[in-house]
Structure formats: structure tokens, C-alpha cells
Amino acid sequence: MGWPGIVFLGLVVGLAGWWRHPLRRVASKPFGRIWAAGPVGILAAMLTKMLGNLTGAFHDGDSLEWLASALLALVAVTVTIGLAARRRPDGST
């Protein structure tokens, strides 16, 4: 799987993770929004591919690359939405 596949996988997992997260309705602006979930998923999937290529953990196209990219993207979106839901709407902590 090349870079376009990683970007697409990160986007799809990011948007699906945002849609299925139970706290998405109480998440405050701006990081709880759908437009933030897509890029977070993409960045996490790209980071997984880069780290995997640097360490030699998987070669391009292996199923481990798909699994690791999808799981890290899902974790990153979950953490982002969860942290955004903890923020108060007035911006104070």
C-alpha cells in the first residue's frame, strides 16, 4: 500500500472514529469537530507508516501495515475527541 492508500485509510478511520465516539456531541471547539478528526487520523496513519519503514517492522503492502495504521489512527482520534470533550466551552481548564 502506497502513500495514497495510507492517506485514504487514515481519513476513513478518522471520520468513522469521530462518528462512533460517544463524546463527540459534548466535545468543544475546535478539536472535537469532524474537520479535526480526519487530519488526526491521516497524521497518525502516516506516522505509523514512516516509523514502520524506519524500523523495518513491515514492508510496503503487508497486512501488518494496514492493521497498525488503522489502530493508531483510531487511538489518535479517540484520544483527541476524548480530550476535547473534557475542555470547557469557555476555554478554561
Protein backbone atom coordinates (compact mmCIF):
# COMPACT_ATOMS: atom_id res chain seq x y z
CA MET A 1 0.00 0.00 0.00
CA GLY A 2 1.45 3.34 -1.01
CA TRP A 3 1.00 6.79 0.45
CA PRO A 4 -2.38 7.46 -1.19
CA GLY A 5 -3.73 4.29 0.45
CA ILE A 6 -2.39 5.36 3.83
CA VAL A 7 -3.96 8.81 3.50
CA PHE A 8 -7.30 7.30 2.48
CA LEU A 9 -7.17 4.74 5.29
CA GLY A 10 -6.36 7.44 7.86
CA LEU A 11 -9.16 9.68 6.61
CA VAL A 12 -11.77 6.92 6.65
CA VAL A 13 -10.74 5.62 10.08
CA GLY A 14 -10.59 9.17 11.45
CA LEU A 15 -14.07 10.09 10.25
CA ALA A 16 -15.56 6.77 11.32
CA GLY A 17 -13.89 7.07 14.71
CA TRP A 18 -15.34 10.55 15.17
CA TRP A 19 -18.80 9.40 14.09
CA ARG A 20 -18.83 6.45 16.52
CA HIS A 21 -17.27 8.23 19.51
CA PRO A 22 -19.81 8.62 22.34
CA LEU A 23 -18.46 12.02 23.47
CA ARG A 24 -18.50 13.73 20.07
CA ARG A 25 -21.63 15.71 20.92
CA VAL A 26 -20.15 17.25 24.06
CA ALA A 27 -16.71 17.94 22.58
CA SER A 28 -15.90 21.63 22.48
CA LYS A 29 -14.47 23.61 19.61
CA PRO A 30 -12.25 23.21 17.63
CA PHE A 31 -10.67 19.79 18.17
CA GLY A 32 -13.89 17.89 18.76
CA ARG A 33 -15.19 18.71 15.32
CA ILE A 34 -15.30 16.42 12.32
CA TRP A 35 -12.77 18.52 10.42
CA ALA A 36 -10.18 17.81 13.10
CA ALA A 37 -10.81 14.05 13.22
CA GLY A 38 -9.88 13.47 9.57
CA PRO A 39 -6.44 15.12 9.69
CA VAL A 40 -5.64 13.48 13.05
CA GLY A 41 -6.40 10.07 11.54
CA ILE A 42 -4.31 10.86 8.45
CA LEU A 43 -1.35 12.07 10.50
CA ALA A 44 -1.45 9.03 12.77
CA ALA A 45 -1.59 6.63 9.81
CA MET A 46 1.28 8.44 8.09
CA LEU A 47 3.34 8.39 11.28
CA THR A 48 2.76 4.65 11.56
CA LYS A 49 3.95 4.06 8.01
CA MET A 50 7.05 6.22 8.48
CA LEU A 51 8.01 4.55 11.76
CA GLY A 52 7.38 1.11 10.30
CA ASN A 53 9.59 1.86 7.32
CA LEU A 54 12.34 3.28 9.52
CA THR A 55 12.38 0.32 11.88
CA GLY A 56 11.78 -2.31 9.19
CA ALA A 57 8.77 -3.66 11.06
CA PHE A 58 6.78 -4.18 7.87
CA HIS A 59 7.30 -3.85 4.15
CA ASP A 60 5.06 -1.91 1.82
CA GLY A 61 1.77 -3.73 1.31
CA ASP A 62 1.89 -6.16 4.23
CA SER A 63 -1.25 -6.70 6.24
CA LEU A 64 0.56 -5.62 9.41
CA GLU A 65 0.91 -2.15 7.90
CA TRP A 66 -2.85 -1.88 7.38
CA LEU A 67 -3.60 -3.09 10.89
CA ALA A 68 -1.04 -0.88 12.61
CA SER A 69 -2.08 2.21 10.63
CA ALA A 70 -5.78 1.69 11.30
CA LEU A 71 -5.28 1.03 15.03
CA LEU A 72 -3.02 4.02 15.62
CA ALA A 73 -5.38 6.29 13.67
CA LEU A 74 -8.32 5.07 15.73
CA VAL A 75 -6.45 5.57 19.01
CA ALA A 76 -5.36 9.07 17.98
CA VAL A 77 -8.91 10.12 17.07
CA THR A 78 -10.31 8.60 20.26
CA VAL A 79 -7.80 10.47 22.41
CA THR A 80 -8.36 13.73 20.53
CA ILE A 81 -12.15 13.62 20.87
CA GLY A 82 -11.93 12.48 24.49
CA LEU A 83 -9.60 15.33 25.41
CA ALA A 84 -11.75 17.85 23.53
CA ALA A 85 -14.81 16.67 25.47
CA ARG A 86 -13.03 17.38 28.75
CA ARG A 87 -12.46 21.03 27.86
CA ARG A 88 -14.95 23.64 28.96
CA PRO A 89 -16.66 25.69 26.25
CA ASP A 90 -15.25 28.95 27.67
CA GLY A 91 -11.68 27.67 27.13
CA SER A 92 -10.70 27.31 30.78
CA THR A 93 -9.29 24.05 32.11
